[in-house]
Amino acid sequence: MLLEVGSKAPDFVLPDKDGNLVRLSDFLGKKVVLYFYPKDNTPGCTRQACAFAGAYRQFEQQGVVVIGVSKDSSASHQKFADKYNLPFLLLSDPELQVIQAYGVWQEKKLYGKVSMGVVRTTYVIDEQGVVERVMPKVKPDTNAQEILDDLKG
């Protein structure tokens, strides 16, 4: 199950594309956009990442941290970030610890086949580490802009 608005965002430590460990709690005092996506270099995930990259300066101007999480390896993230000039953090969760803690590992149906996978979900976490917004099944192309519009109020 997805986390609810008002709940404490579970803290975590995951490696980024360079193998550096990143903690969610390092960003207390800042708003965090934490988005979970299925896989590097797939069409939807690439469009979503590029939309966040395109809007990155606007997030930065508002002091907002953008973090993408998938179960891909750090090496895969490195190639993905280099290929598309992604300026934000990509974290690797191959053990699914954070993916499961945030409730985004769910049953998915594709062509009548049922399998488990990451459901594209975005969380906005406030300066105190509390879930401010839950966005399930987001659209890759509009997710970043939707959040920016929200932040502007």
N, C-alpha and C. Protein backbone atom coordinates (compact mmCIF):
# COMPACT_ATOMS: atom_id res chain seq x y z
N MET A 1 0.83 -1.21 0.00
CA MET A 1 0.00 0.00 0.00
C MET A 1 0.86 1.26 0.00
N LEU A 2 0.40 2.25 -0.72
CA LEU A 2 1.13 3.52 -0.76
C LEU A 2 1.06 4.20 0.60
N LEU A 3 2.04 5.05 0.86
CA LEU A 3 2.02 5.84 2.10
C LEU A 3 0.89 6.86 2.00
N GLU A 4 0.43 7.32 3.14
CA GLU A 4 -0.64 8.31 3.14
C GLU A 4 -0.09 9.70 3.42
N VAL A 5 -0.80 10.70 2.92
CA VAL A 5 -0.46 12.09 3.20
C VAL A 5 -0.49 12.27 4.71
N GLY A 6 0.53 12.94 5.25
CA GLY A 6 0.60 13.17 6.68
C GLY A 6 1.45 12.14 7.42
N SER A 7 1.81 11.05 6.72
CA SER A 7 2.66 10.05 7.39
C SER A 7 4.12 10.43 7.24
N LYS A 8 4.93 9.92 8.15
CA LYS A 8 6.37 10.19 8.12
C LYS A 8 6.97 9.39 6.95
N ALA A 9 7.76 10.06 6.13
CA ALA A 9 8.41 9.36 5.01
C ALA A 9 9.52 8.47 5.59
N PRO A 10 9.51 7.17 5.27
CA PRO A 10 10.56 6.29 5.81
C PRO A 10 11.94 6.77 5.36
N ASP A 11 12.85 6.89 6.31
CA ASP A 11 14.22 7.29 5.96
C ASP A 11 14.89 6.10 5.27
N PHE A 12 15.91 6.37 4.50
CA PHE A 12 16.62 5.30 3.81
C PHE A 12 18.03 5.74 3.47
N VAL A 13 18.85 4.77 3.12
CA VAL A 13 20.20 5.02 2.61
C VAL A 13 20.34 4.16 1.36
N LEU A 14 20.58 4.82 0.21
CA LEU A 14 20.77 4.10 -1.05
C LEU A 14 21.95 4.71 -1.80
N PRO A 15 22.61 3.90 -2.65
CA PRO A 15 23.70 4.44 -3.46
C PRO A 15 23.18 5.22 -4.67
N ASP A 16 23.88 6.32 -5.01
CA ASP A 16 23.54 7.07 -6.23
C ASP A 16 24.31 6.46 -7.41
N LYS A 17 24.27 7.12 -8.55
CA LYS A 17 24.89 6.58 -9.76
C LYS A 17 26.42 6.48 -9.64
N ASP A 18 27.00 7.24 -8.70
CA ASP A 18 28.45 7.19 -8.50
C ASP A 18 28.83 6.29 -7.33
N GLY A 19 27.84 5.64 -6.73
CA GLY A 19 28.11 4.75 -5.60
C GLY A 19 28.14 5.46 -4.26
N ASN A 20 27.88 6.78 -4.23
CA ASN A 20 27.83 7.51 -2.96
C ASN A 20 26.52 7.20 -2.25
N LEU A 21 26.60 7.01 -0.93
CA LEU A 21 25.37 6.73 -0.19
C LEU A 21 24.61 8.02 0.10
N VAL A 22 23.32 7.97 -0.16
CA VAL A 22 22.45 9.14 0.03
C VAL A 22 21.35 8.76 1.01
N ARG A 23 21.15 9.62 2.01
CA ARG A 23 20.08 9.43 3.00
C ARG A 23 18.98 10.44 2.74
N LEU A 24 17.75 9.99 2.88
CA LEU A 24 16.63 10.93 2.77
C LEU A 24 16.76 12.01 3.85
N SER A 25 17.16 11.61 5.06
CA SER A 25 17.23 12.57 6.17
C SER A 25 18.29 13.66 5.95
N ASP A 26 19.19 13.47 4.98
CA ASP A 26 20.17 14.52 4.65
C ASP A 26 19.46 15.77 4.14
N PHE A 27 18.21 15.61 3.66
CA PHE A 27 17.52 16.73 3.02
C PHE A 27 16.45 17.36 3.91
N LEU A 28 16.47 17.03 5.22
CA LEU A 28 15.52 17.69 6.12
C LEU A 28 15.74 19.19 6.00
N GLY A 29 14.65 19.96 6.00
CA GLY A 29 14.77 21.40 5.81
C GLY A 29 14.52 21.79 4.37
N LYS A 30 14.45 20.78 3.47
CA LYS A 30 14.13 21.03 2.06
C LYS A 30 12.95 20.15 1.66
N LYS A 31 12.24 20.62 0.66
CA LYS A 31 11.19 19.79 0.09
C LYS A 31 11.84 18.80 -0.85
N VAL A 32 11.32 17.57 -0.88
CA VAL A 32 11.88 16.52 -1.74
C VAL A 32 10.79 15.94 -2.63
N VAL A 33 11.10 15.87 -3.92
CA VAL A 33 10.26 15.14 -4.86
C VAL A 33 10.94 13.79 -5.04
N LEU A 34 10.29 12.73 -4.55
CA LEU A 34 10.84 11.38 -4.62
C LEU A 34 9.99 10.60 -5.61
N TYR A 35 10.58 10.28 -6.75
CA TYR A 35 9.77 9.56 -7.72
C TYR A 35 10.34 8.18 -8.01
N PHE A 36 9.42 7.21 -8.05
CA PHE A 36 9.78 5.82 -8.30
C PHE A 36 9.38 5.47 -9.72
N TYR A 37 10.27 4.82 -10.43
CA TYR A 37 9.99 4.47 -11.82
C TYR A 37 10.48 3.05 -12.10
N PRO A 38 9.88 2.39 -13.12
CA PRO A 38 10.19 0.98 -13.36
C PRO A 38 11.61 0.69 -13.86
N LYS A 39 12.11 1.40 -14.88
CA LYS A 39 13.37 0.96 -15.45
C LYS A 39 14.06 2.04 -16.29
N ASP A 40 15.39 2.15 -16.11
CA ASP A 40 16.19 3.07 -16.91
C ASP A 40 16.03 2.76 -18.40
N ASN A 41 16.10 3.81 -19.22
CA ASN A 41 16.14 3.66 -20.68
C ASN A 41 14.92 3.03 -21.32
N THR A 42 13.79 3.00 -20.63
CA THR A 42 12.56 2.56 -21.28
C THR A 42 11.82 3.83 -21.68
N PRO A 43 10.92 3.76 -22.68
CA PRO A 43 10.34 5.00 -23.22
C PRO A 43 9.67 5.91 -22.19
N GLY A 44 8.78 5.36 -21.36
CA GLY A 44 8.08 6.19 -20.38
C GLY A 44 9.02 6.77 -19.34
N CYS A 45 9.93 5.94 -18.87
CA CYS A 45 10.86 6.38 -17.81
C CYS A 45 11.83 7.43 -18.34
N THR A 46 12.20 7.29 -19.60
CA THR A 46 13.09 8.28 -20.22
C THR A 46 12.36 9.61 -20.37
N ARG A 47 11.10 9.57 -20.82
CA ARG A 47 10.33 10.82 -20.96
C ARG A 47 10.15 11.50 -19.61
N GLN A 48 9.87 10.71 -18.58
CA GLN A 48 9.67 11.27 -17.25
C GLN A 48 10.97 11.91 -16.74
N ALA A 49 12.08 11.20 -16.88
CA ALA A 49 13.38 11.72 -16.43
C ALA A 49 13.74 12.99 -17.18
N CYS A 50 13.51 13.00 -18.49
CA CYS A 50 13.84 14.19 -19.30
C CYS A 50 12.94 15.37 -18.94
N ALA A 51 11.70 15.10 -18.57
CA ALA A 51 10.80 16.18 -18.13
C ALA A 51 11.31 16.78 -16.81
N PHE A 52 11.75 15.91 -15.89
CA PHE A 52 12.32 16.43 -14.63
C PHE A 52 13.61 17.19 -14.92
N ALA A 53 14.42 16.70 -15.84
CA ALA A 53 15.67 17.39 -16.19
C ALA A 53 15.37 18.76 -16.77
N GLY A 54 14.35 18.83 -17.63
CA GLY A 54 13.97 20.10 -18.25
C GLY A 54 13.47 21.12 -17.26
N ALA A 55 12.84 20.63 -16.20
CA ALA A 55 12.26 21.52 -15.18
C ALA A 55 13.20 21.69 -13.98
N TYR A 56 14.36 21.07 -14.04
CA TYR A 56 15.24 21.01 -12.87
C TYR A 56 15.61 22.37 -12.29
N ARG A 57 15.92 23.32 -13.18
CA ARG A 57 16.30 24.66 -12.69
C ARG A 57 15.17 25.28 -11.87
N GLN A 58 13.93 25.08 -12.30
CA GLN A 58 12.80 25.63 -11.55
C GLN A 58 12.66 24.97 -10.18
N PHE A 59 12.91 23.65 -10.13
CA PHE A 59 12.89 22.97 -8.82
C PHE A 59 13.99 23.54 -7.94
N GLU A 60 15.19 23.68 -8.51
CA GLU A 60 16.34 24.21 -7.77
C GLU A 60 16.06 25.60 -7.22
N GLN A 61 15.44 26.46 -8.04
CA GLN A 61 15.15 27.83 -7.62
C GLN A 61 14.22 27.84 -6.41
N GLN A 62 13.40 26.81 -6.29
CA GLN A 62 12.49 26.73 -5.15
C GLN A 62 13.09 25.91 -4.01
N GLY A 63 14.35 25.50 -4.16
CA GLY A 63 15.02 24.74 -3.11
C GLY A 63 14.50 23.33 -2.97
N VAL A 64 13.95 22.78 -4.07
CA VAL A 64 13.38 21.44 -4.04
C VAL A 64 14.38 20.43 -4.58
N VAL A 65 14.55 19.32 -3.86
CA VAL A 65 15.45 18.24 -4.26
C VAL A 65 14.64 17.22 -5.07
N VAL A 66 15.17 16.80 -6.21
CA VAL A 66 14.51 15.78 -7.03
C VAL A 66 15.34 14.50 -6.96
N ILE A 67 14.67 13.38 -6.62
CA ILE A 67 15.34 12.08 -6.52
C ILE A 67 14.50 11.04 -7.26
N GLY A 68 15.15 10.33 -8.19
CA GLY A 68 14.50 9.22 -8.87
C GLY A 68 15.02 7.92 -8.30
N VAL A 69 14.13 6.93 -8.10
CA VAL A 69 14.53 5.63 -7.55
C VAL A 69 13.99 4.52 -8.44
N SER A 70 14.87 3.56 -8.77
CA SER A 70 14.43 2.33 -9.42
C SER A 70 15.31 1.20 -8.92
N LYS A 71 15.01 -0.02 -9.37
CA LYS A 71 15.81 -1.15 -8.90
C LYS A 71 17.02 -1.39 -9.80
N ASP A 72 17.25 -0.50 -10.77
CA ASP A 72 18.43 -0.61 -11.62
C ASP A 72 19.70 -0.39 -10.81
N SER A 73 20.82 -0.90 -11.33
CA SER A 73 22.11 -0.75 -10.66
C SER A 73 22.64 0.68 -10.79
N SER A 74 23.62 1.01 -9.96
CA SER A 74 24.27 2.33 -10.06
C SER A 74 24.89 2.51 -11.45
N ALA A 75 25.47 1.43 -11.99
CA ALA A 75 26.09 1.51 -13.32
C ALA A 75 25.05 1.83 -14.40
N SER A 76 23.88 1.23 -14.28
CA SER A 76 22.80 1.51 -15.23
C SER A 76 22.37 2.98 -15.10
N HIS A 77 22.23 3.45 -13.86
CA HIS A 77 21.87 4.86 -13.61
C HIS A 77 22.92 5.80 -14.21
N GLN A 78 24.18 5.42 -14.08
CA GLN A 78 25.28 6.25 -14.59
C GLN A 78 25.11 6.45 -16.10
N LYS A 79 24.87 5.36 -16.81
CA LYS A 79 24.70 5.42 -18.28
C LYS A 79 23.46 6.23 -18.64
N PHE A 80 22.37 6.00 -17.91
CA PHE A 80 21.10 6.69 -18.14
C PHE A 80 21.27 8.19 -17.95
N ALA A 81 21.91 8.58 -16.84
CA ALA A 81 22.13 10.00 -16.52
C ALA A 81 23.04 10.65 -17.56
N ASP A 82 24.09 9.94 -17.95
CA ASP A 82 25.02 10.50 -18.95
C ASP A 82 24.35 10.68 -20.30
N LYS A 83 23.59 9.69 -20.70
CA LYS A 83 22.95 9.70 -22.02
C LYS A 83 21.97 10.87 -22.15
N TYR A 84 21.24 11.17 -21.08
CA TYR A 84 20.19 12.20 -21.14
C TYR A 84 20.52 13.45 -20.32
N ASN A 85 21.76 13.59 -19.86
CA ASN A 85 22.17 14.75 -19.06
C ASN A 85 21.23 15.00 -17.88
N LEU A 86 21.00 13.98 -17.09
CA LEU A 86 20.08 14.11 -15.95
C LEU A 86 20.84 14.73 -14.77
N PRO A 87 20.39 15.91 -14.31
CA PRO A 87 21.14 16.64 -13.28
C PRO A 87 20.76 16.27 -11.85
N PHE A 88 19.75 15.44 -11.66
CA PHE A 88 19.28 15.13 -10.30
C PHE A 88 19.75 13.75 -9.87
N LEU A 89 19.50 13.42 -8.61
CA LEU A 89 19.94 12.15 -8.04
C LEU A 89 19.12 10.98 -8.58
N LEU A 90 19.82 9.92 -8.95
CA LEU A 90 19.17 8.65 -9.28
C LEU A 90 19.72 7.64 -8.28
N LEU A 91 18.81 7.01 -7.53
CA LEU A 91 19.25 6.06 -6.51
C LEU A 91 18.88 4.63 -6.90
N SER A 92 19.76 3.73 -6.51
CA SER A 92 19.64 2.33 -6.88
C SER A 92 19.11 1.50 -5.71
N ASP A 93 18.01 0.76 -5.94
CA ASP A 93 17.39 -0.04 -4.88
C ASP A 93 17.15 -1.48 -5.38
N PRO A 94 18.23 -2.21 -5.71
CA PRO A 94 18.05 -3.56 -6.25
C PRO A 94 17.42 -4.54 -5.25
N GLU A 95 17.55 -4.26 -3.97
CA GLU A 95 16.97 -5.14 -2.94
C GLU A 95 15.50 -4.81 -2.66
N LEU A 96 15.01 -3.74 -3.29
CA LEU A 96 13.61 -3.30 -3.16
C LEU A 96 13.23 -2.83 -1.76
N GLN A 97 14.23 -2.52 -0.91
CA GLN A 97 13.90 -2.12 0.47
C GLN A 97 13.06 -0.84 0.49
N VAL A 98 13.52 0.18 -0.23
CA VAL A 98 12.82 1.47 -0.22
C VAL A 98 11.56 1.38 -1.08
N ILE A 99 11.69 0.70 -2.22
CA ILE A 99 10.54 0.52 -3.12
C ILE A 99 9.37 -0.12 -2.35
N GLN A 100 9.68 -1.12 -1.51
CA GLN A 100 8.62 -1.76 -0.73
C GLN A 100 8.16 -0.89 0.44
N ALA A 101 9.10 -0.18 1.08
CA ALA A 101 8.74 0.69 2.20
C ALA A 101 7.76 1.78 1.76
N TYR A 102 7.88 2.21 0.50
CA TYR A 102 6.99 3.26 -0.02
C TYR A 102 5.78 2.68 -0.75
N GLY A 103 5.64 1.35 -0.72
CA GLY A 103 4.43 0.72 -1.24
C GLY A 103 4.28 0.72 -2.75
N VAL A 104 5.37 0.90 -3.48
CA VAL A 104 5.25 1.00 -4.94
C VAL A 104 5.57 -0.31 -5.68
N TRP A 105 5.91 -1.38 -4.94
CA TRP A 105 6.13 -2.70 -5.55
C TRP A 105 4.77 -3.40 -5.53
N GLN A 106 4.15 -3.48 -6.68
CA GLN A 106 2.77 -3.97 -6.74
C GLN A 106 2.58 -4.90 -7.93
N GLU A 107 1.43 -5.55 -7.91
CA GLU A 107 1.05 -6.41 -9.02
C GLU A 107 0.73 -5.54 -10.23
N LYS A 108 1.26 -5.93 -11.38
CA LYS A 108 0.99 -5.18 -12.61
C LYS A 108 0.48 -6.16 -13.65
N LYS A 109 -0.45 -5.69 -14.48
CA LYS A 109 -0.97 -6.53 -15.55
C LYS A 109 -0.52 -5.95 -16.89
N LEU A 110 0.05 -6.80 -17.72
CA LEU A 110 0.46 -6.37 -19.05
C LEU A 110 0.09 -7.48 -20.02
N TYR A 111 -0.74 -7.16 -20.97
CA TYR A 111 -1.19 -8.16 -21.95
C TYR A 111 -1.74 -9.40 -21.26
N GLY A 112 -2.51 -9.20 -20.21
CA GLY A 112 -3.13 -10.30 -19.50
C GLY A 112 -2.20 -11.07 -18.57
N LYS A 113 -0.91 -10.73 -18.60
CA LYS A 113 0.06 -11.41 -17.73
C LYS A 113 0.24 -10.60 -16.46
N VAL A 114 0.22 -11.28 -15.34
CA VAL A 114 0.38 -10.59 -14.05
C VAL A 114 1.81 -10.80 -13.55
N SER A 115 2.45 -9.70 -13.16
CA SER A 115 3.79 -9.81 -12.57
C SER A 115 3.94 -8.71 -11.53
N MET A 116 5.00 -8.80 -10.74
CA MET A 116 5.27 -7.77 -9.75
C MET A 116 6.24 -6.75 -10.35
N GLY A 117 6.04 -5.49 -10.02
CA GLY A 117 6.93 -4.47 -10.54
C GLY A 117 6.69 -3.13 -9.85
N VAL A 118 7.51 -2.15 -10.23
CA VAL A 118 7.39 -0.81 -9.66
C VAL A 118 6.27 -0.06 -10.39
N VAL A 119 5.32 0.43 -9.61
CA VAL A 119 4.25 1.25 -10.16
C VAL A 119 4.73 2.70 -10.09
N ARG A 120 4.73 3.37 -11.24
CA ARG A 120 5.24 4.74 -11.34
C ARG A 120 4.47 5.65 -10.37
N THR A 121 5.16 6.11 -9.33
CA THR A 121 4.53 6.87 -8.24
C THR A 121 5.48 7.99 -7.82
N THR A 122 4.91 9.15 -7.51
CA THR A 122 5.72 10.27 -7.03
C THR A 122 5.19 10.73 -5.67
N TYR A 123 6.15 10.96 -4.76
CA TYR A 123 5.82 11.51 -3.44
C TYR A 123 6.45 12.89 -3.34
N VAL A 124 5.72 13.83 -2.74
CA VAL A 124 6.31 15.11 -2.37
C VAL A 124 6.40 15.09 -0.85
N ILE A 125 7.63 15.27 -0.35
CA ILE A 125 7.91 15.18 1.08
C ILE A 125 8.30 16.57 1.57
N ASP A 126 7.67 17.01 2.66
CA ASP A 126 7.92 18.38 3.13
C ASP A 126 9.24 18.50 3.90
N GLU A 127 9.51 19.70 4.36
CA GLU A 127 10.79 20.03 5.01
C GLU A 127 11.02 19.26 6.30
N GLN A 128 9.93 18.74 6.91
CA GLN A 128 10.05 17.98 8.16
C GLN A 128 10.09 16.47 7.90
N GLY A 129 10.08 16.07 6.62
CA GLY A 129 10.13 14.65 6.30
C GLY A 129 8.77 13.96 6.34
N VAL A 130 7.71 14.75 6.15
CA VAL A 130 6.35 14.22 6.17
C VAL A 130 5.80 14.22 4.74
N VAL A 131 5.07 13.15 4.39
CA VAL A 131 4.49 13.03 3.06
C VAL A 131 3.42 14.11 2.88
N GLU A 132 3.63 14.96 1.89
CA GLU A 132 2.73 16.08 1.63
C GLU A 132 1.77 15.76 0.48
N ARG A 133 2.24 14.95 -0.46
CA ARG A 133 1.41 14.61 -1.61
C ARG A 133 1.81 13.23 -2.13
N VAL A 134 0.81 12.44 -2.50
CA VAL A 134 1.02 11.13 -3.09
C VAL A 134 0.40 11.16 -4.48
N MET A 135 1.21 10.81 -5.48
CA MET A 135 0.73 10.83 -6.86
C MET A 135 0.92 9.44 -7.48
N PRO A 136 -0.12 8.60 -7.40
CA PRO A 136 0.01 7.26 -7.98
C PRO A 136 -0.19 7.29 -9.49
N LYS A 137 0.40 6.32 -10.16
CA LYS A 137 0.22 6.14 -11.62
C LYS A 137 0.34 7.45 -12.39
N VAL A 138 1.42 8.17 -12.13
CA VAL A 138 1.61 9.47 -12.79
C VAL A 138 1.90 9.29 -14.28
N LYS A 139 1.61 10.34 -15.03
CA LYS A 139 1.93 10.33 -16.46
C LYS A 139 3.36 10.85 -16.61
N PRO A 140 4.20 10.10 -17.32
CA PRO A 140 5.62 10.48 -17.44
C PRO A 140 5.84 11.89 -17.98
N ASP A 141 5.01 12.30 -18.95
CA ASP A 141 5.26 13.58 -19.62
C ASP A 141 4.86 14.79 -18.80
N THR A 142 3.87 14.63 -17.92
CA THR A 142 3.31 15.80 -17.21
C THR A 142 3.64 15.83 -15.72
N ASN A 143 4.27 14.77 -15.20
CA ASN A 143 4.52 14.66 -13.76
C ASN A 143 5.30 15.86 -13.21
N ALA A 144 6.42 16.20 -13.83
CA ALA A 144 7.26 17.30 -13.32
C ALA A 144 6.50 18.62 -13.31
N GLN A 145 5.79 18.93 -14.40
CA GLN A 145 5.07 20.20 -14.50
C GLN A 145 3.93 20.27 -13.48
N GLU A 146 3.26 19.14 -13.29
CA GLU A 146 2.18 19.08 -12.31
C GLU A 146 2.68 19.47 -10.92
N ILE A 147 3.84 18.95 -10.55
CA ILE A 147 4.42 19.24 -9.23
C ILE A 147 4.81 20.72 -9.15
N LEU A 148 5.42 21.24 -10.21
CA LEU A 148 5.80 22.66 -10.23
C LEU A 148 4.57 23.55 -10.06
N ASP A 149 3.50 23.21 -10.77
CA ASP A 149 2.26 24.00 -10.66
C ASP A 149 1.74 23.96 -9.22
N ASP A 150 1.83 22.79 -8.60
CA ASP A 150 1.41 22.61 -7.21
C ASP A 150 2.24 23.47 -6.26
N LEU A 151 3.55 23.47 -6.47
CA LEU A 151 4.46 24.21 -5.59
C LEU A 151 4.19 25.71 -5.67
N LYS A 152 3.79 26.17 -6.85
CA LYS A 152 3.48 27.59 -7.02
C LYS A 152 2.18 27.93 -6.34
N GLY A 153 1.36 26.90 -6.08
CA GLY A 153 0.09 27.09 -5.40
C GLY A 153 -0.91 27.67 -6.35
